[in-house]
Amino acid sequence: QVELVESGGGLAQPGGSLRLSCAASGFTFSSYAVGWYRRTRGKECDMVATVTRTGDSTNYADSVKGRFTISRDNAKNTAYLQMNSLKPEDTAVYYCNIEMAVDFCWGQGTQVTVSS
C-alpha cells in the first residue's frame, strides 16, 4: 500500500517562496515517475510538474515554467517542489503522486495560499 505525505505548504505573499516535500513509503520509490498536482477550489486537478525515475527529465505546466522546480532524492524517498515568485493564482491544494495513480489529486495534500 503506497503512502505519500505532502508538507511545506502555508501562507505566502505574492513574489514569495515555498518548498513542498513529499515523503513516500510502502513501495520502491525509485521505480516510478512522480509528479506534483494541484486543485484550486471548484476546479479540476491540474498537473504542475513531473520528473522521471532517475530525475533526468522534467515537465512543467506552462503557468509555472521558470518559477517552480521539481526534484527528487531517491535515497531519501522524497520529492520536492520549490516554488518561487508565487502568484495569487498558485493558491490551491497541492498533491504528490506516482505515475500510476488512479487520481492524481488524492491524499492529505498541503494547502498553499498566496495573498497580500
C-alpha atoms as a PDB file:
ATOM      1  CA  GLN A   1       0.000   0.000   0.000  1.00  0.00           C
ATOM      2  CA  VAL A   2       1.616   3.206  -1.159  1.00  0.00           C
ATOM      3  CA  GLU A   3       1.736   6.249   1.059  1.00  0.00           C
ATOM      4  CA  LEU A   4       2.780   9.764   0.117  1.00  0.00           C
ATOM      5  CA  VAL A   5       2.643  12.575   2.640  1.00  0.00           C
ATOM      6  CA  GLU A   6       2.856  16.168   1.480  1.00  0.00           C
ATOM      7  CA  SER A   7       4.106  19.008   3.660  1.00  0.00           C
ATOM      8  CA  GLY A   8       5.527  22.510   3.465  1.00  0.00           C
ATOM      9  CA  GLY A   9       2.504  24.490   2.406  1.00  0.00           C
ATOM     10  CA  GLY A  10       1.320  27.654   4.065  1.00  0.00           C
ATOM     11  CA  LEU A  11       0.677  31.324   3.512  1.00  0.00           C
ATOM     12  CA  ALA A  12       2.990  33.344   1.287  1.00  0.00           C
ATOM     13  CA  GLN A  13       2.881  36.841  -0.114  1.00  0.00           C
ATOM     14  CA  PRO A  14       2.961  37.428  -3.869  1.00  0.00           C
ATOM     15  CA  GLY A  15       6.557  37.107  -5.018  1.00  0.00           C
ATOM     16  CA  GLY A  16       7.440  34.872  -2.091  1.00  0.00           C
ATOM     17  CA  SER A  17       8.685  31.289  -1.991  1.00  0.00           C
ATOM     18  CA  LEU A  18       7.690  27.947  -0.517  1.00  0.00           C
ATOM     19  CA  ARG A  19       9.263  24.500  -0.686  1.00  0.00           C
ATOM     20  CA  LEU A  20       6.976  21.477  -0.651  1.00  0.00           C
ATOM     21  CA  SER A  21       8.111  17.986   0.335  1.00  0.00           C
ATOM     22  CA  CYS A  22       6.616  14.575  -0.443  1.00  0.00           C
ATOM     23  CA  ALA A  23       7.664  11.671   1.761  1.00  0.00           C
ATOM     24  CA  ALA A  24       6.993   8.276   0.172  1.00  0.00           C
ATOM     25  CA  SER A  25       6.796   4.832   1.762  1.00  0.00           C
ATOM     26  CA  GLY A  26       5.396   1.356   1.135  1.00  0.00           C
ATOM     27  CA  PHE A  27       6.837   0.901  -2.350  1.00  0.00           C
ATOM     28  CA  THR A  28      10.004   1.230  -4.388  1.00  0.00           C
ATOM     29  CA  PHE A  29      10.012   4.970  -4.892  1.00  0.00           C
ATOM     30  CA  SER A  30      12.802   4.976  -7.469  1.00  0.00           C
ATOM     31  CA  SER A  31      10.810   2.716  -9.829  1.00  0.00           C
ATOM     32  CA  TYR A  32       8.217   5.367 -10.655  1.00  0.00           C
ATOM     33  CA  ALA A  33       7.983   8.796 -12.126  1.00  0.00           C
ATOM     34  CA  VAL A  34       6.468  11.254  -9.672  1.00  0.00           C
ATOM     35  CA  GLY A  35       4.544  14.449 -10.067  1.00  0.00           C
ATOM     36  CA  TRP A  36       3.014  17.382  -8.260  1.00  0.00           C
ATOM     37  CA  TYR A  37      -0.604  18.247  -8.953  1.00  0.00           C
ATOM     38  CA  ARG A  38      -2.941  20.895  -7.646  1.00  0.00           C
ATOM     39  CA  ARG A  39      -6.636  21.504  -7.294  1.00  0.00           C
ATOM     40  CA  THR A  40      -7.996  25.000  -6.984  1.00  0.00           C
ATOM     41  CA  ARG A  41     -11.288  25.208  -5.117  1.00  0.00           C
ATOM     42  CA  GLY A  42     -14.070  24.295  -7.518  1.00  0.00           C
ATOM     43  CA  LYS A  43     -11.668  23.366 -10.319  1.00  0.00           C
ATOM     44  CA  GLU A  44     -10.253  20.193 -11.837  1.00  0.00           C
ATOM     45  CA  CYS A  45      -6.979  18.527 -10.921  1.00  0.00           C
ATOM     46  CA  ASP A  46      -4.089  20.003 -12.920  1.00  0.00           C
ATOM     47  CA  MET A  47      -0.554  18.781 -13.474  1.00  0.00           C
ATOM     48  CA  VAL A  48       2.068  21.131 -12.081  1.00  0.00           C
ATOM     49  CA  ALA A  49       5.324  19.270 -12.668  1.00  0.00           C
ATOM     50  CA  THR A  50       6.610  15.737 -13.218  1.00  0.00           C
ATOM     51  CA  VAL A  51      10.014  14.104 -13.035  1.00  0.00           C
ATOM     52  CA  THR A  52      11.219  10.759 -14.365  1.00  0.00           C
ATOM     53  CA  ARG A  53      12.501   7.874 -12.248  1.00  0.00           C
ATOM     54  CA  THR A  54      16.113   8.992 -12.250  1.00  0.00           C
ATOM     55  CA  GLY A  55      15.433  12.711 -12.408  1.00  0.00           C
ATOM     56  CA  ASP A  56      16.891  13.034 -15.902  1.00  0.00           C
ATOM     57  CA  SER A  57      13.826  14.731 -17.389  1.00  0.00           C
ATOM     58  CA  THR A  58      11.189  17.116 -16.079  1.00  0.00           C
ATOM     59  CA  ASN A  59       7.959  18.566 -17.374  1.00  0.00           C
ATOM     60  CA  TYR A  60       6.096  21.677 -16.214  1.00  0.00           C
ATOM     61  CA  ALA A  61       2.775  23.315 -16.757  1.00  0.00           C
ATOM     62  CA  ASP A  62       3.150  26.482 -18.803  1.00  0.00           C
ATOM     63  CA  SER A  63       1.815  28.534 -15.912  1.00  0.00           C
ATOM     64  CA  VAL A  64       4.724  27.599 -13.623  1.00  0.00           C
ATOM     65  CA  LYS A  65       7.669  27.344 -16.023  1.00  0.00           C
ATOM     66  CA  GLY A  66      10.606  29.388 -14.828  1.00  0.00           C
ATOM     67  CA  ARG A  67       9.144  29.711 -11.339  1.00  0.00           C
ATOM     68  CA  PHE A  68       8.803  26.150  -9.991  1.00  0.00           C
ATOM     69  CA  THR A  69      11.399  23.380  -9.841  1.00  0.00           C
ATOM     70  CA  ILE A  70      10.650  19.706  -9.213  1.00  0.00           C
ATOM     71  CA  SER A  71      13.337  17.389  -7.872  1.00  0.00           C
ATOM     72  CA  ARG A  72      13.703  14.044  -6.140  1.00  0.00           C
ATOM     73  CA  ASP A  73      16.086  12.299  -3.792  1.00  0.00           C
ATOM     74  CA  ASN A  74      15.593   8.565  -4.255  1.00  0.00           C
ATOM     75  CA  ALA A  75      17.908   7.743  -1.354  1.00  0.00           C
ATOM     76  CA  LYS A  76      15.514   9.628   0.924  1.00  0.00           C
ATOM     77  CA  ASN A  77      12.308   8.516  -0.847  1.00  0.00           C
ATOM     78  CA  THR A  78      11.358  12.156  -1.134  1.00  0.00           C
ATOM     79  CA  ALA A  79      10.238  14.521  -3.882  1.00  0.00           C
ATOM     80  CA  TYR A  80      10.286  18.304  -3.703  1.00  0.00           C
ATOM     81  CA  LEU A  81       8.692  21.286  -5.346  1.00  0.00           C
ATOM     82  CA  GLN A  82      10.499  24.593  -4.999  1.00  0.00           C
ATOM     83  CA  MET A  83       8.072  27.418  -5.714  1.00  0.00           C
ATOM     84  CA  ASN A  84       9.423  30.911  -6.349  1.00  0.00           C
ATOM     85  CA  SER A  85       7.797  34.142  -7.498  1.00  0.00           C
ATOM     86  CA  LEU A  86       4.460  32.951  -6.191  1.00  0.00           C
ATOM     87  CA  LYS A  87       1.272  34.429  -7.578  1.00  0.00           C
ATOM     88  CA  PRO A  88      -2.244  34.513  -6.129  1.00  0.00           C
ATOM     89  CA  GLU A  89      -3.356  32.107  -8.865  1.00  0.00           C
ATOM     90  CA  ASP A  90      -0.990  29.485  -7.405  1.00  0.00           C
ATOM     91  CA  THR A  91      -3.367  29.160  -4.459  1.00  0.00           C
ATOM     92  CA  ALA A  92      -4.504  25.530  -4.318  1.00  0.00           C
ATOM     93  CA  VAL A  93      -4.158  22.243  -2.510  1.00  0.00           C
ATOM     94  CA  TYR A  94      -1.011  20.522  -3.773  1.00  0.00           C
ATOM     95  CA  TYR A  95      -0.665  16.739  -4.042  1.00  0.00           C
ATOM     96  CA  CYS A  96       2.208  14.397  -4.785  1.00  0.00           C
ATOM     97  CA  ASN A  97       1.526  11.121  -6.612  1.00  0.00           C
ATOM     98  CA  ILE A  98       3.253   8.472  -8.711  1.00  0.00           C
ATOM     99  CA  GLU A  99       2.676   7.885 -12.400  1.00  0.00           C
ATOM    100  CA  MET A 100       0.169   5.038 -11.982  1.00  0.00           C
ATOM    101  CA  ALA A 101      -2.159   6.807  -9.568  1.00  0.00           C
ATOM    102  CA  VAL A 102      -5.864   6.475 -10.279  1.00  0.00           C
ATOM    103  CA  ASP A 103      -6.498  10.026  -9.078  1.00  0.00           C
ATOM    104  CA  PHE A 104      -3.591  12.462  -9.148  1.00  0.00           C
ATOM    105  CA  CYS A 105      -5.230  14.781  -6.617  1.00  0.00           C
ATOM    106  CA  TRP A 106      -5.686  12.366  -3.734  1.00  0.00           C
ATOM    107  CA  GLY A 107      -4.258  12.070  -0.262  1.00  0.00           C
ATOM    108  CA  GLN A 108      -3.566  14.532   2.525  1.00  0.00           C
ATOM    109  CA  GLY A 109      -2.313  17.312   0.291  1.00  0.00           C
ATOM    110  CA  THR A 110      -0.868  20.582   1.515  1.00  0.00           C
ATOM    111  CA  GLN A 111      -2.575  23.947   1.236  1.00  0.00           C
ATOM    112  CA  VAL A 112      -0.746  26.797  -0.469  1.00  0.00           C
ATOM    113  CA  THR A 113      -2.266  30.243  -0.146  1.00  0.00           C
ATOM    114  CA  VAL A 114      -0.742  33.269  -1.868  1.00  0.00           C
ATOM    115  CA  SER A 115      -2.228  36.549  -0.730  1.00  0.00           C
ATOM    116  CA  SER A 116      -1.189  40.005   0.350  1.00  0.00           C
END
